Amino acid sequence: YVATPVEFTRTVSTDAVTGEKTYGAWSA
């Protein structure tokens, strides 16, 4: 039995100066 896959998303922002990444929360 193969279920329909579920997909999760989150926002990733990259500081243009430092290159540091900031991660948002995953979707519900």
PDB file of all heavy atoms in Angstrom:
ATOM      1  N   TYR A   1       0.874  -1.163   0.000  1.00  0.00           N
ATOM      2  CA  TYR A   1       0.000   0.000   0.000  1.00  0.00           C
ATOM      3  C   TYR A   1       0.916   1.220   0.000  1.00  0.00           C
ATOM      4  O   TYR A   1       1.800   1.348   0.849  1.00  0.00           O
ATOM      5  CB  TYR A   1      -0.894   0.024   1.244  1.00  0.00           C
ATOM      6  CG  TYR A   1      -1.640   1.326   1.385  1.00  0.00           C
ATOM      7  CD1 TYR A   1      -2.824   1.551   0.698  1.00  0.00           C
ATOM      8  CD2 TYR A   1      -1.139   2.343   2.182  1.00  0.00           C
ATOM      9  CE1 TYR A   1      -3.493   2.761   0.801  1.00  0.00           C
ATOM     10  CE2 TYR A   1      -1.802   3.562   2.290  1.00  0.00           C
ATOM     11  CZ  TYR A   1      -2.975   3.754   1.599  1.00  0.00           C
ATOM     12  OH  TYR A   1      -3.620   4.958   1.708  1.00  0.00           O
ATOM     13  N   VAL A   2       0.719   2.115  -0.959  1.00  0.00           N
ATOM     14  CA  VAL A   2       1.532   3.327  -1.045  1.00  0.00           C
ATOM     15  C   VAL A   2       0.595   4.522  -0.955  1.00  0.00           C
ATOM     16  O   VAL A   2      -0.251   4.726  -1.829  1.00  0.00           O
ATOM     17  CB  VAL A   2       2.345   3.369  -2.357  1.00  0.00           C
ATOM     18  CG1 VAL A   2       3.164   4.644  -2.434  1.00  0.00           C
ATOM     19  CG2 VAL A   2       3.238   2.141  -2.474  1.00  0.00           C
ATOM     20  N   ALA A   3       0.746   5.295   0.119  1.00  0.00           N
ATOM     21  CA  ALA A   3      -0.106   6.465   0.341  1.00  0.00           C
ATOM     22  C   ALA A   3       0.367   7.632  -0.524  1.00  0.00           C
ATOM     23  O   ALA A   3       1.517   7.666  -0.979  1.00  0.00           O
ATOM     24  CB  ALA A   3      -0.058   6.861   1.815  1.00  0.00           C
ATOM     25  N   THR A   4      -0.519   8.570  -0.714  1.00  0.00           N
ATOM     26  CA  THR A   4      -0.145   9.807  -1.383  1.00  0.00           C
ATOM     27  C   THR A   4       0.848  10.541  -0.483  1.00  0.00           C
ATOM     28  O   THR A   4       0.579  10.725   0.708  1.00  0.00           O
ATOM     29  CB  THR A   4      -1.388  10.685  -1.615  1.00  0.00           C
ATOM     30  OG1 THR A   4      -2.327   9.959  -2.408  1.00  0.00           O
ATOM     31  CG2 THR A   4      -1.018  11.987  -2.303  1.00  0.00           C
ATOM     32  N   PRO A   5       2.019  10.919  -1.005  1.00  0.00           N
ATOM     33  CA  PRO A   5       3.021  11.605  -0.167  1.00  0.00           C
ATOM     34  C   PRO A   5       2.480  12.920   0.393  1.00  0.00           C
ATOM     35  O   PRO A   5       1.594  13.544  -0.194  1.00  0.00           O
ATOM     36  CB  PRO A   5       4.176  11.878  -1.132  1.00  0.00           C
ATOM     37  CG  PRO A   5       3.966  10.963  -2.279  1.00  0.00           C
ATOM     38  CD  PRO A   5       2.482  10.746  -2.379  1.00  0.00           C
ATOM     39  N   VAL A   6       3.020  13.313   1.548  1.00  0.00           N
ATOM     40  CA  VAL A   6       2.707  14.628   2.113  1.00  0.00           C
ATOM     41  C   VAL A   6       3.967  15.477   2.039  1.00  0.00           C
ATOM     42  O   VAL A   6       5.084  14.964   2.089  1.00  0.00           O
ATOM     43  CB  VAL A   6       2.177  14.539   3.562  1.00  0.00           C
ATOM     44  CG1 VAL A   6       0.839  13.831   3.600  1.00  0.00           C
ATOM     45  CG2 VAL A   6       3.160  13.867   4.479  1.00  0.00           C
ATOM     46  N   GLU A   7       3.768  16.774   1.879  1.00  0.00           N
ATOM     47  CA  GLU A   7       4.909  17.671   1.719  1.00  0.00           C
ATOM     48  C   GLU A   7       4.878  18.758   2.791  1.00  0.00           C
ATOM     49  O   GLU A   7       3.818  19.293   3.114  1.00  0.00           O
ATOM     50  CB  GLU A   7       4.865  18.311   0.333  1.00  0.00           C
ATOM     51  CG  GLU A   7       6.098  19.113   0.004  1.00  0.00           C
ATOM     52  CD  GLU A   7       6.136  19.525  -1.452  1.00  0.00           C
ATOM     53  OE1 GLU A   7       6.631  18.739  -2.272  1.00  0.00           O
ATOM     54  OE2 GLU A   7       5.651  20.627  -1.755  1.00  0.00           O
ATOM     55  N   PHE A   8       6.033  19.031   3.329  1.00  0.00           N
ATOM     56  CA  PHE A   8       6.196  20.072   4.337  1.00  0.00           C
ATOM     57  C   PHE A   8       7.079  21.167   3.754  1.00  0.00           C
ATOM     58  O   PHE A   8       7.982  20.891   2.965  1.00  0.00           O
ATOM     59  CB  PHE A   8       6.855  19.500   5.593  1.00  0.00           C
ATOM     60  CG  PHE A   8       6.006  18.463   6.271  1.00  0.00           C
ATOM     61  CD1 PHE A   8       6.137  17.123   5.956  1.00  0.00           C
ATOM     62  CD2 PHE A   8       5.059  18.839   7.205  1.00  0.00           C
ATOM     63  CE1 PHE A   8       5.346  16.170   6.569  1.00  0.00           C
ATOM     64  CE2 PHE A   8       4.256  17.895   7.820  1.00  0.00           C
ATOM     65  CZ  PHE A   8       4.395  16.556   7.502  1.00  0.00           C
ATOM     66  N   THR A   9       6.810  22.391   4.163  1.00  0.00           N
ATOM     67  CA  THR A   9       7.595  23.525   3.680  1.00  0.00           C
ATOM     68  C   THR A   9       7.986  24.430   4.847  1.00  0.00           C
ATOM     69  O   THR A   9       7.328  24.429   5.895  1.00  0.00           O
ATOM     70  CB  THR A   9       6.808  24.365   2.654  1.00  0.00           C
ATOM     71  OG1 THR A   9       5.618  24.850   3.269  1.00  0.00           O
ATOM     72  CG2 THR A   9       6.470  23.556   1.421  1.00  0.00           C
ATOM     73  N   ARG A  10       9.058  25.162   4.655  1.00  0.00           N
ATOM     74  CA  ARG A  10       9.444  26.219   5.588  1.00  0.00           C
ATOM     75  C   ARG A  10      10.247  27.251   4.805  1.00  0.00           C
ATOM     76  O   ARG A  10      10.819  26.968   3.748  1.00  0.00           O
ATOM     77  CB  ARG A  10      10.242  25.691   6.771  1.00  0.00           C
ATOM     78  CG  ARG A  10      11.642  25.206   6.435  1.00  0.00           C
ATOM     79  CD  ARG A  10      12.355  24.784   7.690  1.00  0.00           C
ATOM     80  NE  ARG A  10      13.673  24.217   7.372  1.00  0.00           N
ATOM     81  CZ  ARG A  10      14.521  23.804   8.290  1.00  0.00           C
ATOM     82  NH1 ARG A  10      14.211  23.881   9.567  1.00  0.00           N
ATOM     83  NH2 ARG A  10      15.679  23.301   7.942  1.00  0.00           N
ATOM     84  N   THR A  11      10.289  28.458   5.346  1.00  0.00           N
ATOM     85  CA  THR A  11      11.027  29.550   4.723  1.00  0.00           C
ATOM     86  C   THR A  11      12.463  29.548   5.236  1.00  0.00           C
ATOM     87  O   THR A  11      12.704  29.373   6.427  1.00  0.00           O
ATOM     88  CB  THR A  11      10.368  30.900   5.056  1.00  0.00           C
ATOM     89  OG1 THR A  11       9.010  30.862   4.613  1.00  0.00           O
ATOM     90  CG2 THR A  11      11.095  32.051   4.393  1.00  0.00           C
ATOM     91  N   VAL A  12      13.408  29.712   4.315  1.00  0.00           N
ATOM     92  CA  VAL A  12      14.819  29.858   4.670  1.00  0.00           C
ATOM     93  C   VAL A  12      15.282  31.191   4.103  1.00  0.00           C
ATOM     94  O   VAL A  12      15.172  31.433   2.905  1.00  0.00           O
ATOM     95  CB  VAL A  12      15.674  28.707   4.092  1.00  0.00           C
ATOM     96  CG1 VAL A  12      17.132  28.895   4.480  1.00  0.00           C
ATOM     97  CG2 VAL A  12      15.158  27.347   4.545  1.00  0.00           C
ATOM     98  N   SER A  13      15.776  32.058   4.985  1.00  0.00           N
ATOM     99  CA  SER A  13      16.280  33.366   4.563  1.00  0.00           C
ATOM    100  C   SER A  13      17.789  33.389   4.750  1.00  0.00           C
ATOM    101  O   SER A  13      18.305  32.897   5.747  1.00  0.00           O
ATOM    102  CB  SER A  13      15.660  34.481   5.404  1.00  0.00           C
ATOM    103  OG  SER A  13      14.255  34.452   5.288  1.00  0.00           O
ATOM    104  N   THR A  14      18.500  33.963   3.776  1.00  0.00           N
ATOM    105  CA  THR A  14      19.954  34.066   3.850  1.00  0.00           C
ATOM    106  C   THR A  14      20.339  35.538   3.905  1.00  0.00           C
ATOM    107  O   THR A  14      19.958  36.315   3.026  1.00  0.00           O
ATOM    108  CB  THR A  14      20.611  33.395   2.635  1.00  0.00           C
ATOM    109  OG1 THR A  14      20.164  32.038   2.554  1.00  0.00           O
ATOM    110  CG2 THR A  14      22.121  33.416   2.750  1.00  0.00           C
ATOM    111  N   ASP A  15      21.108  35.889   4.944  1.00  0.00           N
ATOM    112  CA  ASP A  15      21.608  37.256   5.080  1.00  0.00           C
ATOM    113  C   ASP A  15      22.601  37.503   3.957  1.00  0.00           C
ATOM    114  O   ASP A  15      23.582  36.775   3.804  1.00  0.00           O
ATOM    115  CB  ASP A  15      22.274  37.434   6.447  1.00  0.00           C
ATOM    116  CG  ASP A  15      22.703  38.873   6.691  1.00  0.00           C
ATOM    117  OD1 ASP A  15      23.598  39.361   5.948  1.00  0.00           O
ATOM    118  OD2 ASP A  15      22.166  39.492   7.618  1.00  0.00           O
ATOM    119  N   ALA A  16      22.356  38.530   3.142  1.00  0.00           N
ATOM    120  CA  ALA A  16      23.200  38.813   1.981  1.00  0.00           C
ATOM    121  C   ALA A  16      24.624  39.206   2.359  1.00  0.00           C
ATOM    122  O   ALA A  16      25.554  39.012   1.573  1.00  0.00           O
ATOM    123  CB  ALA A  16      22.565  39.914   1.129  1.00  0.00           C
ATOM    124  N   VAL A  17      24.831  39.723   3.544  1.00  0.00           N
ATOM    125  CA  VAL A  17      26.160  40.179   3.974  1.00  0.00           C
ATOM    126  C   VAL A  17      26.933  39.049   4.646  1.00  0.00           C
ATOM    127  O   VAL A  17      28.071  38.755   4.300  1.00  0.00           O
ATOM    128  CB  VAL A  17      26.051  41.400   4.914  1.00  0.00           C
ATOM    129  CG1 VAL A  17      27.422  41.798   5.443  1.00  0.00           C
ATOM    130  CG2 VAL A  17      25.390  42.564   4.201  1.00  0.00           C
ATOM    131  N   THR A  18      26.292  38.397   5.624  1.00  0.00           N
ATOM    132  CA  THR A  18      27.010  37.383   6.420  1.00  0.00           C
ATOM    133  C   THR A  18      26.853  35.965   5.871  1.00  0.00           C
ATOM    134  O   THR A  18      27.617  35.080   6.230  1.00  0.00           O
ATOM    135  CB  THR A  18      26.506  37.385   7.870  1.00  0.00           C
ATOM    136  OG1 THR A  18      25.132  36.964   7.898  1.00  0.00           O
ATOM    137  CG2 THR A  18      26.652  38.755   8.501  1.00  0.00           C
ATOM    138  N   GLY A  19      25.836  35.751   5.059  1.00  0.00           N
ATOM    139  CA  GLY A  19      25.566  34.399   4.557  1.00  0.00           C
ATOM    140  C   GLY A  19      24.849  33.529   5.581  1.00  0.00           C
ATOM    141  O   GLY A  19      24.550  32.371   5.318  1.00  0.00           O
ATOM    142  N   GLU A  20      24.556  34.091   6.759  1.00  0.00           N
ATOM    143  CA  GLU A  20      23.883  33.326   7.812  1.00  0.00           C
ATOM    144  C   GLU A  20      22.444  33.031   7.401  1.00  0.00           C
ATOM    145  O   GLU A  20      21.736  33.895   6.898  1.00  0.00           O
ATOM    146  CB  GLU A  20      23.898  34.122   9.119  1.00  0.00           C
ATOM    147  CG  GLU A  20      23.255  33.390  10.274  1.00  0.00           C
ATOM    148  CD  GLU A  20      23.296  34.200  11.563  1.00  0.00           C
ATOM    149  OE1 GLU A  20      24.125  35.123  11.682  1.00  0.00           O
ATOM    150  OE2 GLU A  20      22.494  33.897  12.442  1.00  0.00           O
ATOM    151  N   LYS A  21      22.031  31.784   7.623  1.00  0.00           N
ATOM    152  CA  LYS A  21      20.673  31.367   7.263  1.00  0.00           C
ATOM    153  C   LYS A  21      19.783  31.381   8.492  1.00  0.00           C
ATOM    154  O   LYS A  21      20.195  31.018   9.583  1.00  0.00           O
ATOM    155  CB  LYS A  21      20.688  29.973   6.652  1.00  0.00           C
ATOM    156  CG  LYS A  21      21.384  29.932   5.311  1.00  0.00           C
ATOM    157  CD  LYS A  21      21.282  28.579   4.665  1.00  0.00           C
ATOM    158  CE  LYS A  21      21.984  28.637   3.313  1.00  0.00           C
ATOM    159  NZ  LYS A  21      21.683  27.505   2.482  1.00  0.00           N
ATOM    160  N   THR A  22      18.552  31.808   8.273  1.00  0.00           N
ATOM    161  CA  THR A  22      17.533  31.797   9.306  1.00  0.00           C
ATOM    162  C   THR A  22      16.402  30.906   8.800  1.00  0.00           C
ATOM    163  O   THR A  22      15.936  31.070   7.673  1.00  0.00           O
ATOM    164  CB  THR A  22      16.992  33.221   9.560  1.00  0.00           C
ATOM    165  OG1 THR A  22      18.082  34.067   9.905  1.00  0.00           O
ATOM    166  CG2 THR A  22      15.956  33.226  10.670  1.00  0.00           C
ATOM    167  N   TYR A  23      15.988  29.957   9.648  1.00  0.00           N
ATOM    168  CA  TYR A  23      14.972  28.986   9.254  1.00  0.00           C
ATOM    169  C   TYR A  23      13.646  29.272   9.936  1.00  0.00           C
ATOM    170  O   TYR A  23      13.588  29.455  11.152  1.00  0.00           O
ATOM    171  CB  TYR A  23      15.430  27.571   9.626  1.00  0.00           C
ATOM    172  CG  TYR A  23      16.692  27.162   8.915  1.00  0.00           C
ATOM    173  CD1 TYR A  23      17.949  27.387   9.475  1.00  0.00           C
ATOM    174  CD2 TYR A  23      16.641  26.558   7.667  1.00  0.00           C
ATOM    175  CE1 TYR A  23      19.106  27.028   8.815  1.00  0.00           C
ATOM    176  CE2 TYR A  23      17.804  26.185   6.998  1.00  0.00           C
ATOM    177  CZ  TYR A  23      19.027  26.427   7.584  1.00  0.00           C
ATOM    178  OH  TYR A  23      20.170  26.068   6.923  1.00  0.00           O
ATOM    179  N   GLY A  24      12.579  29.281   9.157  1.00  0.00           N
ATOM    180  CA  GLY A  24      11.231  29.439   9.700  1.00  0.00           C
ATOM    181  C   GLY A  24      10.709  28.102  10.181  1.00  0.00           C
ATOM    182  O   GLY A  24      11.375  27.060  10.047  1.00  0.00           O
ATOM    183  N   ALA A  25       9.521  28.113  10.725  1.00  0.00           N
ATOM    184  CA  ALA A  25       8.887  26.887  11.219  1.00  0.00           C
ATOM    185  C   ALA A  25       8.384  26.047  10.040  1.00  0.00           C
ATOM    186  O   ALA A  25       7.994  26.573   8.997  1.00  0.00           O
ATOM    187  CB  ALA A  25       7.726  27.242  12.134  1.00  0.00           C
ATOM    188  N   TRP A  26       8.410  24.726  10.242  1.00  0.00           N
ATOM    189  CA  TRP A  26       7.845  23.822   9.234  1.00  0.00           C
ATOM    190  C   TRP A  26       6.328  23.996   9.207  1.00  0.00           C
ATOM    191  O   TRP A  26       5.705  24.363  10.199  1.00  0.00           O
ATOM    192  CB  TRP A  26       8.190  22.370   9.554  1.00  0.00           C
ATOM    193  CG  TRP A  26       9.611  22.013   9.233  1.00  0.00           C
ATOM    194  CD1 TRP A  26      10.627  21.862  10.116  1.00  0.00           C
ATOM    195  CD2 TRP A  26      10.169  21.773   7.941  1.00  0.00           C
ATOM    196  NE1 TRP A  26      11.787  21.548   9.460  1.00  0.00           N
ATOM    197  CE2 TRP A  26      11.534  21.484   8.118  1.00  0.00           C
ATOM    198  CE3 TRP A  26       9.662  21.789   6.651  1.00  0.00           C
ATOM    199  CZ2 TRP A  26      12.383  21.210   7.052  1.00  0.00           C
ATOM    200  CZ3 TRP A  26      10.516  21.508   5.590  1.00  0.00           C
ATOM    201  CH2 TRP A  26      11.857  21.228   5.792  1.00  0.00           C
ATOM    202  N   SER A  27       5.727  23.709   8.074  1.00  0.00           N
ATOM    203  CA  SER A  27       4.270  23.774   7.949  1.00  0.00           C
ATOM    204  C   SER A  27       3.624  22.798   8.932  1.00  0.00           C
ATOM    205  O   SER A  27       4.288  21.927   9.501  1.00  0.00           O
ATOM    206  CB  SER A  27       3.841  23.480   6.511  1.00  0.00           C
ATOM    207  OG  SER A  27       4.404  22.271   6.050  1.00  0.00           O
ATOM    208  N   ALA A  28       2.329  22.929   9.126  1.00  0.00           N
ATOM    209  CA  ALA A  28       1.584  22.150  10.131  1.00  0.00           C
ATOM    210  C   ALA A  28       1.682  20.641   9.908  1.00  0.00           C
ATOM    211  O   ALA A  28       1.920  20.171   8.777  1.00  0.00           O
ATOM    212  CB  ALA A  28       0.121  22.571  10.094  1.00  0.00           C
TER     213      ALA A  28
END
